[in-house]
Protein backbone atom coordinates (compact mmCIF):
# COMPACT_ATOMS: atom_id res chain seq x y z
CA MET A 1 199.84 40.87 73.95
CA THR A 2 196.40 40.30 72.47
CA ASN A 3 197.54 36.82 71.15
CA ASN A 4 198.88 35.72 74.57
CA VAL A 5 195.70 36.58 76.14
CA THR A 6 193.61 34.92 73.60
CA THR A 7 195.67 31.51 73.92
CA THR A 8 195.53 31.64 77.70
CA VAL A 9 191.71 31.98 77.55
CA ALA A 10 191.05 29.67 74.76
CA THR A 11 193.09 26.68 75.96
CA PRO A 12 191.04 26.28 79.25
CA MET A 13 187.91 26.80 77.48
CA ALA A 14 188.77 24.13 74.74
CA GLN A 15 189.73 21.64 77.46
CA ASN A 16 186.64 22.25 79.49
CA TYR A 17 184.57 21.61 76.36
CA PHE A 18 186.53 18.36 75.59
CA GLN A 19 186.01 17.32 79.19
CA VAL A 20 182.21 17.71 79.13
CA GLY A 21 181.83 16.15 75.64
CA ALA A 22 184.15 12.96 76.70
CA THR A 23 182.24 12.60 79.93
CA SER A 24 178.74 12.86 78.32
CA ILE A 25 179.78 10.28 75.74
CA GLY A 26 181.39 8.02 78.21
CA VAL A 27 178.52 8.17 80.71
CA PHE A 28 175.73 7.75 78.02
CA ASN A 29 177.48 4.80 76.51
CA CYS A 30 177.98 3.09 79.76
CA LEU A 31 174.42 3.57 80.87
CA GLU A 32 173.42 2.23 77.42
CA VAL A 33 175.54 -0.82 78.05
CA ILE A 34 173.96 -1.35 81.62
CA PHE A 35 170.50 -1.05 80.46
CA ILE A 36 170.98 -3.47 77.46
CA ALA A 37 172.71 -6.02 79.64
CA LEU A 38 170.05 -6.00 82.27
CA THR A 39 167.34 -6.20 79.98
CA THR A 40 169.00 -9.01 77.71
CA PHE A 41 170.86 -11.31 79.72
CA LYS A 42 168.62 -13.98 81.42
CA THR A 43 170.54 -14.44 84.46
CA TYR A 44 173.34 -12.24 86.10
CA ASP A 45 175.51 -14.84 87.67
CA SER A 46 178.21 -15.17 84.99
CA LEU A 47 181.76 -13.83 85.05
CA TYR A 48 181.25 -12.13 81.87
CA PHE A 49 178.17 -10.26 82.90
CA ARG A 50 179.59 -9.13 86.28
CA SER A 51 182.81 -8.08 84.57
CA LEU A 52 180.90 -5.97 82.20
CA MET A 53 178.79 -4.41 85.02
CA VAL A 54 182.03 -3.43 87.11
CA ALA A 55 183.70 -1.98 83.98
CA ALA A 56 180.62 0.25 83.04
CA VAL A 57 179.91 1.42 86.55
CA GLY A 58 183.58 1.87 87.13
CA THR A 59 183.78 3.98 84.15
CA ILE A 60 180.94 6.18 85.28
CA ILE A 61 182.30 6.65 88.69
CA PHE A 62 185.77 7.49 87.21
CA ALA A 63 184.20 10.03 85.05
CA LEU A 64 182.26 11.65 87.69
CA GLY A 65 185.25 11.90 90.02
CA PHE A 66 187.38 13.54 87.47
CA VAL A 67 184.70 16.17 86.62
CA SER A 68 184.43 16.85 90.29
CA LEU A 69 188.24 17.19 90.52
CA PHE A 70 188.72 19.39 87.37
CA PHE A 71 185.75 21.76 88.12
CA ASP A 72 186.55 21.84 91.99
CA LEU A 73 183.02 20.62 92.86
CA TYR A 74 184.41 19.09 96.15
CA GLY A 75 184.57 22.69 97.68
CA ASP A 76 186.99 22.86 100.40
CA PRO A 77 190.62 21.70 99.72
CA LYS A 78 190.29 19.47 102.72
CA ASN A 79 187.68 17.72 100.82
CA LEU A 80 189.91 16.75 97.99
CA TRP A 81 189.98 13.12 98.97
CA GLN A 82 186.30 13.06 97.96
CA ALA A 83 187.14 13.52 94.39
CA VAL A 84 190.30 11.56 94.40
CA THR A 85 188.78 8.41 95.92
CA PRO A 86 186.10 7.76 93.25
CA CYS A 87 188.57 8.46 90.50
CA THR A 88 191.01 5.84 92.00
CA PHE A 89 188.48 3.05 92.62
CA GLY A 90 186.49 3.86 89.39
CA TRP A 91 189.86 3.46 87.44
CA TRP A 92 190.17 -0.10 89.01
CA GLY A 93 186.71 -1.06 87.99
CA MET A 94 187.15 0.38 84.47
CA VAL A 95 190.52 -1.15 83.42
CA THR A 96 190.53 -4.52 85.26
CA GLY A 97 186.76 -4.94 84.75
CA PHE A 98 187.29 -4.61 80.93
CA SER A 99 190.22 -6.96 80.96
CA MET A 100 188.09 -9.54 82.75
CA THR A 101 185.30 -9.02 80.39
CA MET A 102 187.77 -9.80 77.51
CA TYR A 103 189.28 -12.76 79.47
CA SER A 104 185.83 -14.41 80.32
CA ARG A 105 184.96 -14.72 76.51
CA LEU A 106 188.11 -16.82 75.69
CA LYS A 107 186.23 -19.85 76.98
CA LEU A 108 183.73 -19.65 74.28
CA ILE A 109 186.32 -20.15 71.70
CA SER A 110 188.07 -23.15 73.43
CA VAL A 111 191.18 -21.45 74.55
CA PRO A 112 193.41 -24.09 76.44
CA ARG A 113 192.85 -23.66 80.27
CA ALA A 114 196.64 -23.45 80.64
CA ILE A 115 196.69 -20.17 78.55
CA GLN A 116 193.69 -18.90 80.26
CA GLY A 117 195.38 -19.43 83.40
CA TYR A 118 198.48 -17.49 82.36
CA ILE A 119 196.25 -14.63 81.29
CA PHE A 120 194.29 -14.56 84.51
CA GLY A 121 197.50 -14.49 86.30
CA MET A 122 198.69 -11.48 84.02
CA ILE A 123 195.59 -9.75 85.05
CA VAL A 124 196.09 -10.32 88.63
CA PHE A 125 199.78 -9.45 88.62
CA ASN A 126 199.01 -6.11 86.80
CA PHE A 127 196.23 -5.36 89.29
CA PHE A 128 198.66 -5.47 92.39
CA ALA A 129 201.86 -4.09 90.42
CA CYS A 130 200.03 -1.33 88.79
CA HIS A 131 196.76 -0.27 90.60
CA VAL A 132 198.15 -0.50 94.12
CA PRO A 133 201.21 1.61 93.61
CA THR A 134 199.32 4.16 91.34
CA THR A 135 196.60 4.45 94.13
CA LEU A 136 199.32 5.24 96.76
CA PHE A 137 201.02 8.01 94.55
CA THR A 138 197.66 9.34 93.48
CA PHE A 139 196.76 10.13 96.98
CA GLY A 140 200.23 11.34 97.87
CA SER A 141 200.46 13.54 94.91
CA ARG A 142 197.19 15.01 95.59
CA LEU A 143 196.93 15.21 99.36
CA ILE A 144 200.53 15.67 100.42
CA GLY A 145 201.74 17.37 97.04
CA THR A 146 205.49 17.24 97.54
CA GLU A 147 207.70 17.06 94.56
CA SER A 148 208.75 13.43 95.15
CA TRP A 149 205.17 12.17 95.32
CA ILE A 150 204.24 14.24 92.14
CA ILE A 151 207.31 12.78 90.11
CA GLY A 152 206.55 9.41 91.54
CA TYR A 153 202.88 9.58 90.38
CA ASP A 154 204.01 10.86 86.73
CA VAL A 155 206.38 7.92 86.49
CA ILE A 156 204.03 5.33 87.71
CA GLU A 157 201.06 6.48 85.79
CA LYS A 158 202.83 5.98 82.48
CA ILE A 159 204.20 2.56 83.53
CA GLN A 160 200.68 1.46 84.47
CA MET A 161 199.13 2.67 81.17
CA THR A 162 201.90 0.75 79.31
CA PHE A 163 201.20 -2.40 81.11
CA PHE A 164 197.39 -2.10 80.80
CA CYS A 165 197.83 -1.55 77.12
CA VAL A 166 200.08 -4.67 76.66
CA GLN A 167 197.68 -6.66 78.69
CA GLU A 168 194.58 -5.90 76.41
CA VAL A 169 196.63 -6.48 73.35
CA VAL A 170 197.78 -9.83 74.60
CA ILE A 171 194.15 -10.81 75.30
CA GLY A 172 192.93 -9.43 71.93
CA ILE A 173 195.71 -11.42 69.91
CA THR A 174 194.85 -14.62 72.08
CA TYR A 175 191.09 -14.16 70.94
CA LEU A 176 192.00 -13.68 67.50
CA VAL A 177 194.38 -16.54 67.12
CA TYR A 178 191.77 -19.03 68.65
CA ILE A 179 188.67 -17.71 66.99
CA ARG A 180 190.46 -18.21 63.66
CA ARG A 181 191.30 -21.83 64.53
CA LYS A 182 187.66 -22.49 65.56
CA PHE A 183 185.73 -20.72 62.74
CA ASP A 184 188.07 -19.86 60.01
CA ASN A 185 186.82 -22.36 57.52
CA GLU A 186 183.24 -22.03 58.56
CA ASN A 187 182.41 -18.44 58.81
CA LEU A 188 184.89 -15.72 57.31
CA ASP A 189 182.74 -12.86 58.31
CA LEU A 190 182.91 -13.61 62.09
CA VAL A 191 186.72 -13.76 61.85
CA LYS A 192 187.05 -10.60 59.79
CA HIS A 193 184.79 -8.65 61.92
CA SER A 194 186.66 -9.74 65.02
CA VAL A 195 189.98 -8.66 63.39
CA VAL A 196 188.45 -5.31 62.54
CA VAL A 197 187.12 -4.73 66.00
CA ASN A 198 190.27 -5.76 67.91
CA ILE A 199 192.47 -3.63 65.42
CA ILE A 200 190.11 -0.60 66.49
CA VAL A 201 190.43 -1.46 70.12
CA VAL A 202 194.37 -1.70 69.99
CA THR A 203 194.51 1.72 68.11
CA LEU A 204 192.24 3.25 70.91
CA ASP A 205 194.51 1.85 73.52
CA VAL A 206 197.67 3.12 71.72
CA SER A 207 196.18 6.48 71.53
CA MET A 208 195.68 6.70 75.23
CA VAL A 209 199.05 5.72 75.86
CA VAL A 210 200.45 8.24 73.46
CA VAL A 211 198.35 11.01 75.10
CA GLU A 212 199.60 9.84 78.44
CA TYR A 213 203.31 10.10 77.36
CA ILE A 214 202.69 13.59 75.84
CA GLY A 215 201.46 14.78 79.20
CA LEU A 216 198.10 16.38 78.27
CA PHE A 217 196.66 15.57 81.75
CA GLY A 218 193.57 17.80 81.19
CA TYR A 219 192.60 15.69 78.30
CA GLN A 220 193.94 12.18 78.85
CA ASN A 221 191.76 11.12 81.81
CA LEU A 222 188.29 11.87 80.41
CA LEU A 223 189.49 10.61 76.95
CA LYS A 224 189.83 7.31 78.71
CA VAL A 225 186.36 7.51 79.79
CA ALA A 226 185.09 7.96 76.32
CA ILE A 227 187.45 5.23 74.83
CA TYR A 228 186.60 2.73 77.37
CA SER A 229 182.82 3.19 76.98
CA ILE A 230 183.40 2.66 73.23
CA LYS A 231 185.26 -0.41 73.77
CA LEU A 232 182.54 -1.70 75.92
CA LYS A 233 180.11 -1.19 73.20
CA PHE A 234 182.12 -3.15 70.93
CA GLU A 235 182.26 -6.01 73.40
CA PHE A 236 178.50 -6.38 72.60
CA TYR A 237 179.29 -6.58 68.96
CA LEU A 238 181.62 -9.35 69.44
CA LEU A 239 179.22 -11.03 71.82
CA ASN A 240 176.45 -10.80 69.23
CA LEU A 241 178.64 -12.48 66.71
CA LEU A 242 179.74 -15.26 69.00
CA ASN A 243 176.34 -15.83 70.29
CA ASP A 244 174.69 -16.20 66.85
CA ARG A 245 177.62 -18.33 65.65
CA LEU A 246 177.52 -20.86 68.72
CA LYS A 247 173.88 -21.27 68.41
CA ALA A 248 174.25 -22.17 64.81
CA VAL A 249 177.16 -24.75 65.48
CA SER A 250 174.88 -26.24 68.27
CA CYS A 251 171.55 -26.34 66.32
CA THR A 252 171.92 -26.50 62.55
CA GLN A 253 174.41 -29.52 62.62
CA PRO A 254 173.20 -33.06 63.24
CA PHE A 255 176.50 -33.67 65.27
CA ALA A 256 178.06 -30.25 66.00
CA PHE A 257 181.44 -30.15 67.82
CA THR A 258 181.20 -27.38 70.27
CA ALA A 259 183.21 -26.34 73.32
CA ASP A 260 182.07 -27.83 76.87
CA MET A 261 182.28 -24.50 78.69
CA THR A 262 182.87 -26.26 81.99
CA THR A 263 185.76 -28.30 81.16
CA GLY A 264 187.13 -26.48 78.16
CA ILE A 265 187.07 -29.66 76.05
CA THR A 266 185.68 -29.89 72.70
CA GLN A 267 182.86 -32.43 72.53
CA ARG A 268 179.93 -33.59 70.36
CA LEU A 269 176.51 -31.92 71.04
CA THR A 270 173.28 -32.47 69.37
CA PRO A 271 170.26 -30.31 69.43
CA ASP A 272 168.20 -32.91 71.28
CA SER A 273 170.76 -33.39 73.85
CA SER A 274 171.11 -29.63 74.75
CA PRO A 275 167.93 -28.65 76.39
CA LYS A 276 169.61 -25.42 77.43
CA ILE A 277 169.46 -24.05 73.86
CA LYS A 278 166.43 -21.88 73.44
CA ASP A 279 164.77 -19.56 70.71
CA PHE A 280 167.09 -20.71 67.84
CA LYS A 281 167.56 -18.38 65.02
CA SER A 282 169.53 -20.01 62.02
CA PHE A 283 172.87 -18.47 61.33
CA ALA A 284 171.96 -18.18 57.72
CA GLY A 285 168.99 -16.06 58.55
CA SER A 286 170.87 -13.87 60.93
CA ASN A 287 172.61 -12.17 57.77
CA GLN A 288 169.43 -10.44 57.57
CA THR A 289 169.71 -8.88 60.94
CA GLY A 290 173.27 -7.61 60.39
CA MET A 291 175.39 -10.66 60.99
CA GLY A 292 176.86 -10.69 57.39
CA SER A 293 177.04 -7.24 55.48
CA SER A 294 175.60 -4.75 58.00
CA PRO A 295 178.04 -2.22 59.43
CA VAL A 296 179.67 -2.63 62.82
CA MET A 297 177.69 0.04 64.63
CA GLU A 298 174.40 -1.46 63.42
CA ALA A 299 175.30 -4.68 64.91
CA ILE A 300 176.29 -2.89 68.22
CA HIS A 301 172.82 -1.41 68.52
CA ARG A 302 170.61 -4.27 67.20
CA PRO A 303 168.79 -6.19 69.66
CA SER A 304 170.98 -9.13 71.14
CA GLN A 305 168.30 -11.74 70.80
CA ALA A 306 168.34 -12.04 74.70
CA PHE A 307 171.86 -13.04 74.92
CA THR A 308 172.05 -16.80 75.40
CA LEU A 309 175.17 -16.82 77.38
CA THR A 310 172.76 -18.28 79.90
CA ASP A 311 171.94 -21.07 77.48
CA ILE A 312 174.85 -22.61 75.72
CA GLU A 313 177.70 -20.26 76.78
CA MET A 314 176.97 -19.61 80.49
CA ASP A 315 178.54 -22.87 81.82
CA GLY A 316 181.90 -21.66 80.49
CA ILE A 317 182.02 -18.15 82.31
CA LYS A 318 180.90 -18.80 85.73
CA GLU A 319 183.32 -17.69 88.60
CA ASN A 320 184.16 -21.27 89.76
CA ASP A 321 185.68 -21.89 86.27
CA MET A 322 188.17 -19.25 86.56
């Protein structure tokens, strides 16, 4: 009898501690991402920047919505929709915003426009095929609460998690294939670090799907908050690598071949012919700031040299190039 009581009390407490901890980690990471982005990007009109902001803000909204839901902060049951609504639309921003962030950097490594188009089409398809029906069943299961709505939600939730996991894996593999083609013979550190980061991200994605299929509802949603916030911070790591390397390619070689970000065509570029490139720091010297042998987390936190997406990369990630 004592063991039963202990188990019954300990399980909700452990769950509550986990929810608070995961929410704290996720919100802190996202606030840090937002602060760094706002203070280091020179302009805010790129698809990359906007997608990053949507993902970070969406993660925070999703987290606060589920905290309200789990701890009954909405008060009267008639106000349940006030907790369900931010959960739903925060999820949209968190997942699709992150996928669009991954998609937007494909142009930086000269991925063919046709492949970019297929990936963008996949993101749009999954948005309507997964987000829309899941939203419908979310509100139905919470506000109507009949068995058919609850079972439907349980099924569609697993389907959408699988689709979104596959989506991010496809984008990640595409990135690895083309970054290897672009830089393999020139910079092994860039390729190796990119592989490691993508393996970590895929592992995090798979862990979310596993928890989803196990059915640990009290843990799975705020686990997603922590994981997506970590993945956003890894985005800054990859961006640092690409930013440093692209500036090196454009500035250290008399006639460097670099991607034309407006057309997706590789062309010759000289330092003198590229007035957009500013504040150059040589790639060889960047090893002293963490590019070569420093740990991943140091690179995530190191200053981003005022990200020059607005200099040499910005042309490739504006919305009219989608």
